[in-house]
Amino acid sequence: MSIDLSESFMAYDVRGLVGETISAESVRAVGAGFVDALQLAGEQVLVGGDMRPTSAEFIEAFTEGATARGANVTQLGMISTDMLYFACGKLNAPGSCSPPPTTPPGTTA
């Protein structure tokens, strides 16, 4: 599978236009890459999202990609960025928020 994320990867996050530069397929690849790059196979990974219509689909896609690479994913449901930070610190686990609550409508991560 070849997915071009060059327009979506930023210095500190992944952002894209839903259906144009980012999809469930690309989020699944990001979940797998997250686990591979951070060597998290066998480790707990946290994932949550905001109230956007794509959040549930993208949380599930990230989960599929991460679990396919051996991570134990805990879905946190609807959360804010600061709640994710708290959960990561409290549980001593890396995490991802999809989409980041700071992205404008129509975009996601």
N, C-alpha and C. Protein backbone atom coordinates (compact mmCIF):
# COMPACT_ATOMS: atom_id res chain seq x y z
N MET A 1 0.84 -1.17 0.00
CA MET A 1 0.00 0.00 0.00
C MET A 1 0.89 1.24 0.00
N SER A 2 0.56 2.21 -0.83
CA SER A 2 1.31 3.45 -0.90
C SER A 2 0.36 4.62 -0.67
N ILE A 3 0.63 5.38 0.39
CA ILE A 3 -0.21 6.53 0.73
C ILE A 3 0.70 7.75 0.81
N ASP A 4 0.36 8.81 0.08
CA ASP A 4 1.14 10.03 0.10
C ASP A 4 0.59 10.96 1.19
N LEU A 5 1.34 11.06 2.27
CA LEU A 5 0.93 11.94 3.37
C LEU A 5 1.78 13.21 3.42
N SER A 6 2.50 13.52 2.33
CA SER A 6 3.41 14.66 2.34
C SER A 6 2.68 15.99 2.60
N GLU A 7 1.42 16.09 2.20
CA GLU A 7 0.67 17.33 2.44
C GLU A 7 0.04 17.34 3.84
N SER A 8 0.05 16.21 4.53
CA SER A 8 -0.63 16.12 5.81
C SER A 8 0.30 16.11 7.01
N PHE A 9 1.55 15.68 6.84
CA PHE A 9 2.46 15.63 7.97
C PHE A 9 3.05 16.99 8.25
N MET A 10 2.86 17.46 9.49
CA MET A 10 3.40 18.74 9.92
C MET A 10 4.54 18.47 10.91
N ALA A 11 5.13 19.51 11.44
CA ALA A 11 6.26 19.34 12.36
C ALA A 11 5.87 18.58 13.62
N TYR A 12 4.63 18.73 14.07
CA TYR A 12 4.24 18.14 15.35
C TYR A 12 2.92 17.37 15.29
N ASP A 13 2.29 17.28 14.14
CA ASP A 13 1.06 16.51 14.04
C ASP A 13 0.76 16.16 12.58
N VAL A 14 -0.38 15.52 12.38
CA VAL A 14 -0.84 15.16 11.05
C VAL A 14 -2.17 15.84 10.84
N ARG A 15 -2.30 16.59 9.74
CA ARG A 15 -3.55 17.27 9.42
C ARG A 15 -3.85 17.10 7.95
N GLY A 16 -5.11 17.02 7.63
CA GLY A 16 -5.47 16.89 6.23
C GLY A 16 -6.93 17.19 6.01
N LEU A 17 -7.31 17.36 4.76
CA LEU A 17 -8.70 17.56 4.38
C LEU A 17 -9.36 16.19 4.27
N VAL A 18 -10.42 16.01 5.01
CA VAL A 18 -11.12 14.74 5.02
C VAL A 18 -11.58 14.39 3.61
N GLY A 19 -11.25 13.18 3.18
CA GLY A 19 -11.64 12.71 1.86
C GLY A 19 -10.73 13.15 0.74
N GLU A 20 -9.86 14.12 1.00
CA GLU A 20 -8.93 14.58 -0.03
C GLU A 20 -7.50 14.14 0.28
N THR A 21 -6.98 14.55 1.42
CA THR A 21 -5.60 14.20 1.77
C THR A 21 -5.52 13.23 2.95
N ILE A 22 -6.64 12.96 3.59
CA ILE A 22 -6.63 12.02 4.71
C ILE A 22 -7.94 11.23 4.73
N SER A 23 -7.81 9.96 5.03
CA SER A 23 -8.96 9.04 5.04
C SER A 23 -8.74 8.00 6.13
N ALA A 24 -9.72 7.14 6.32
CA ALA A 24 -9.56 6.07 7.30
C ALA A 24 -8.35 5.20 6.95
N GLU A 25 -8.13 4.97 5.67
CA GLU A 25 -6.97 4.17 5.23
C GLU A 25 -5.65 4.83 5.65
N SER A 26 -5.54 6.14 5.47
CA SER A 26 -4.30 6.81 5.84
C SER A 26 -4.14 6.88 7.36
N VAL A 27 -5.25 7.06 8.10
CA VAL A 27 -5.18 7.07 9.56
C VAL A 27 -4.77 5.69 10.08
N ARG A 28 -5.24 4.64 9.43
CA ARG A 28 -4.83 3.27 9.79
C ARG A 28 -3.32 3.12 9.62
N ALA A 29 -2.79 3.66 8.54
CA ALA A 29 -1.34 3.62 8.30
C ALA A 29 -0.58 4.44 9.34
N VAL A 30 -1.13 5.58 9.74
CA VAL A 30 -0.50 6.40 10.78
C VAL A 30 -0.47 5.63 12.11
N GLY A 31 -1.55 4.94 12.45
CA GLY A 31 -1.58 4.14 13.67
C GLY A 31 -0.50 3.07 13.66
N ALA A 32 -0.35 2.39 12.52
CA ALA A 32 0.69 1.37 12.40
C ALA A 32 2.08 2.00 12.49
N GLY A 33 2.27 3.12 11.80
CA GLY A 33 3.55 3.81 11.82
C GLY A 33 3.91 4.35 13.19
N PHE A 34 2.91 4.80 13.95
CA PHE A 34 3.11 5.29 15.31
C PHE A 34 3.72 4.19 16.18
N VAL A 35 3.15 3.01 16.08
CA VAL A 35 3.65 1.87 16.86
C VAL A 35 5.03 1.45 16.39
N ASP A 36 5.23 1.38 15.09
CA ASP A 36 6.53 0.98 14.55
C ASP A 36 7.63 1.98 14.91
N ALA A 37 7.36 3.27 14.69
CA ALA A 37 8.39 4.29 14.91
C ALA A 37 8.79 4.40 16.38
N LEU A 38 7.81 4.23 17.27
CA LEU A 38 8.09 4.35 18.70
C LEU A 38 8.34 3.00 19.38
N GLN A 39 8.37 1.95 18.58
CA GLN A 39 8.62 0.59 19.08
C GLN A 39 7.69 0.25 20.23
N LEU A 40 6.39 0.33 19.95
CA LEU A 40 5.37 0.15 20.98
C LEU A 40 4.65 -1.20 20.93
N ALA A 41 5.15 -2.15 20.15
CA ALA A 41 4.52 -3.47 20.13
C ALA A 41 4.52 -4.04 21.54
N GLY A 42 3.36 -4.52 21.98
CA GLY A 42 3.20 -5.06 23.31
C GLY A 42 2.95 -4.01 24.39
N GLU A 43 2.96 -2.73 24.01
CA GLU A 43 2.77 -1.63 24.97
C GLU A 43 1.36 -1.06 24.85
N GLN A 44 0.93 -0.34 25.87
CA GLN A 44 -0.35 0.35 25.85
C GLN A 44 -0.23 1.65 25.07
N VAL A 45 -1.21 1.92 24.22
CA VAL A 45 -1.31 3.16 23.45
C VAL A 45 -2.71 3.70 23.65
N LEU A 46 -2.82 5.01 23.91
CA LEU A 46 -4.11 5.65 24.14
C LEU A 46 -4.55 6.40 22.89
N VAL A 47 -5.85 6.39 22.62
CA VAL A 47 -6.37 7.15 21.49
C VAL A 47 -7.76 7.68 21.85
N GLY A 48 -8.00 8.93 21.45
CA GLY A 48 -9.30 9.56 21.67
C GLY A 48 -9.57 10.55 20.56
N GLY A 49 -10.69 11.24 20.64
CA GLY A 49 -11.02 12.21 19.62
C GLY A 49 -12.05 13.21 20.11
N ASP A 50 -12.37 14.18 19.25
CA ASP A 50 -13.36 15.19 19.63
C ASP A 50 -14.72 14.82 19.04
N MET A 51 -15.63 15.81 18.96
CA MET A 51 -17.00 15.51 18.56
C MET A 51 -17.25 15.58 17.05
N ARG A 52 -16.22 15.67 16.25
CA ARG A 52 -16.42 15.75 14.81
C ARG A 52 -16.96 14.43 14.26
N PRO A 53 -17.69 14.50 13.17
CA PRO A 53 -18.30 13.29 12.61
C PRO A 53 -17.28 12.20 12.24
N THR A 54 -16.06 12.57 11.90
CA THR A 54 -15.06 11.58 11.50
C THR A 54 -14.30 10.96 12.67
N SER A 55 -14.45 11.51 13.86
CA SER A 55 -13.65 11.04 15.00
C SER A 55 -13.79 9.55 15.27
N ALA A 56 -15.01 9.06 15.37
CA ALA A 56 -15.22 7.63 15.69
C ALA A 56 -14.57 6.74 14.64
N GLU A 57 -14.76 7.08 13.36
CA GLU A 57 -14.18 6.28 12.27
C GLU A 57 -12.65 6.33 12.33
N PHE A 58 -12.09 7.50 12.60
CA PHE A 58 -10.63 7.63 12.61
C PHE A 58 -10.02 7.03 13.87
N ILE A 59 -10.72 7.09 14.99
CA ILE A 59 -10.23 6.42 16.20
C ILE A 59 -10.16 4.91 15.93
N GLU A 60 -11.19 4.39 15.31
CA GLU A 60 -11.22 2.95 15.00
C GLU A 60 -10.11 2.59 14.01
N ALA A 61 -9.89 3.43 13.00
CA ALA A 61 -8.85 3.17 12.01
C ALA A 61 -7.46 3.20 12.66
N PHE A 62 -7.21 4.20 13.51
CA PHE A 62 -5.92 4.27 14.21
C PHE A 62 -5.74 3.03 15.08
N THR A 63 -6.81 2.63 15.77
CA THR A 63 -6.78 1.44 16.62
C THR A 63 -6.43 0.20 15.80
N GLU A 64 -7.05 0.05 14.64
CA GLU A 64 -6.78 -1.11 13.79
C GLU A 64 -5.32 -1.15 13.36
N GLY A 65 -4.79 0.01 12.94
CA GLY A 65 -3.39 0.06 12.51
C GLY A 65 -2.43 -0.24 13.65
N ALA A 66 -2.71 0.34 14.81
CA ALA A 66 -1.84 0.14 15.97
C ALA A 66 -1.89 -1.29 16.49
N THR A 67 -3.08 -1.86 16.56
CA THR A 67 -3.19 -3.24 17.05
C THR A 67 -2.61 -4.23 16.06
N ALA A 68 -2.68 -3.91 14.77
CA ALA A 68 -2.08 -4.79 13.76
C ALA A 68 -0.57 -4.88 13.95
N ARG A 69 0.02 -3.87 14.56
CA ARG A 69 1.47 -3.86 14.83
C ARG A 69 1.79 -4.31 16.25
N GLY A 70 0.76 -4.76 16.99
CA GLY A 70 1.01 -5.36 18.29
C GLY A 70 0.80 -4.49 19.50
N ALA A 71 0.29 -3.28 19.33
CA ALA A 71 0.03 -2.41 20.50
C ALA A 71 -1.28 -2.82 21.16
N ASN A 72 -1.38 -2.53 22.43
CA ASN A 72 -2.61 -2.73 23.20
C ASN A 72 -3.27 -1.36 23.31
N VAL A 73 -4.29 -1.13 22.49
CA VAL A 73 -4.89 0.20 22.40
C VAL A 73 -6.05 0.36 23.38
N THR A 74 -6.05 1.47 24.09
CA THR A 74 -7.15 1.86 24.95
C THR A 74 -7.82 3.06 24.31
N GLN A 75 -9.08 2.91 23.93
CA GLN A 75 -9.83 4.01 23.35
C GLN A 75 -10.43 4.84 24.48
N LEU A 76 -10.15 6.13 24.47
CA LEU A 76 -10.60 7.03 25.53
C LEU A 76 -11.90 7.74 25.19
N GLY A 77 -12.40 7.56 23.99
CA GLY A 77 -13.64 8.22 23.59
C GLY A 77 -13.43 9.70 23.31
N MET A 78 -14.46 10.51 23.58
CA MET A 78 -14.38 11.94 23.31
C MET A 78 -13.56 12.62 24.40
N ILE A 79 -12.47 13.26 23.97
CA ILE A 79 -11.55 13.91 24.92
C ILE A 79 -11.00 15.19 24.32
N SER A 80 -10.46 16.03 25.18
CA SER A 80 -9.73 17.21 24.73
C SER A 80 -8.23 16.89 24.77
N THR A 81 -7.43 17.76 24.20
CA THR A 81 -5.98 17.55 24.19
C THR A 81 -5.43 17.48 25.61
N ASP A 82 -5.88 18.39 26.48
CA ASP A 82 -5.35 18.36 27.84
C ASP A 82 -5.76 17.09 28.59
N MET A 83 -6.93 16.55 28.28
CA MET A 83 -7.33 15.28 28.88
C MET A 83 -6.44 14.14 28.39
N LEU A 84 -6.07 14.18 27.11
CA LEU A 84 -5.15 13.17 26.58
C LEU A 84 -3.80 13.28 27.27
N TYR A 85 -3.29 14.50 27.41
CA TYR A 85 -2.01 14.69 28.09
C TYR A 85 -2.06 14.13 29.51
N PHE A 86 -3.17 14.40 30.23
CA PHE A 86 -3.31 13.90 31.59
C PHE A 86 -3.30 12.36 31.59
N ALA A 87 -4.09 11.77 30.69
CA ALA A 87 -4.17 10.31 30.63
C ALA A 87 -2.81 9.69 30.30
N CYS A 88 -2.09 10.30 29.37
CA CYS A 88 -0.76 9.78 29.01
C CYS A 88 0.17 9.82 30.22
N GLY A 89 0.14 10.92 30.97
CA GLY A 89 0.99 11.03 32.15
C GLY A 89 0.56 10.09 33.26
N LYS A 90 -0.72 10.03 33.52
CA LYS A 90 -1.25 9.19 34.60
C LYS A 90 -1.01 7.70 34.31
N LEU A 91 -1.18 7.30 33.06
CA LEU A 91 -1.05 5.89 32.69
C LEU A 91 0.34 5.55 32.14
N ASN A 92 1.20 6.57 32.05
CA ASN A 92 2.55 6.39 31.53
C ASN A 92 2.52 5.67 30.17
N ALA A 93 1.70 6.22 29.27
CA ALA A 93 1.52 5.62 27.95
C ALA A 93 1.46 6.71 26.88
N PRO A 94 1.97 6.43 25.69
CA PRO A 94 1.84 7.39 24.59
C PRO A 94 0.41 7.41 24.07
N GLY A 95 0.04 8.51 23.40
CA GLY A 95 -1.32 8.59 22.90
C GLY A 95 -1.46 9.49 21.70
N SER A 96 -2.65 9.41 21.09
CA SER A 96 -2.97 10.20 19.92
C SER A 96 -4.41 10.69 20.03
N CYS A 97 -4.63 11.92 19.59
CA CYS A 97 -5.97 12.49 19.56
C CYS A 97 -6.36 12.69 18.10
N SER A 98 -7.50 12.15 17.69
CA SER A 98 -7.89 12.21 16.30
C SER A 98 -9.32 12.71 16.19
N PRO A 99 -9.53 13.89 15.66
CA PRO A 99 -8.56 14.90 15.27
C PRO A 99 -8.15 15.74 16.47
N PRO A 100 -7.01 16.41 16.34
CA PRO A 100 -6.64 17.34 17.41
C PRO A 100 -7.70 18.43 17.53
N PRO A 101 -8.15 18.75 18.72
CA PRO A 101 -9.20 19.76 18.86
C PRO A 101 -8.84 21.15 18.34
N THR A 102 -7.60 21.40 17.99
CA THR A 102 -7.22 22.71 17.48
C THR A 102 -7.38 22.85 15.98
N THR A 103 -7.72 21.77 15.27
CA THR A 103 -7.83 21.85 13.81
C THR A 103 -9.18 22.42 13.41
N PRO A 104 -9.22 23.19 12.32
CA PRO A 104 -10.48 23.78 11.90
C PRO A 104 -11.44 22.72 11.32
N PRO A 105 -12.74 23.01 11.30
CA PRO A 105 -13.72 22.07 10.72
C PRO A 105 -13.33 21.72 9.28
N GLY A 106 -13.57 20.47 8.91
CA GLY A 106 -13.23 20.01 7.57
C GLY A 106 -11.84 19.40 7.51
N THR A 107 -11.04 19.63 8.54
CA THR A 107 -9.74 19.01 8.61
C THR A 107 -9.75 18.05 9.78
N THR A 108 -8.81 17.16 9.79
CA THR A 108 -8.71 16.19 10.87
C THR A 108 -7.31 15.66 10.95
N ALA A 109 -7.09 14.78 11.87
CA ALA A 109 -5.79 14.13 12.00
C ALA A 109 -5.98 12.71 12.41
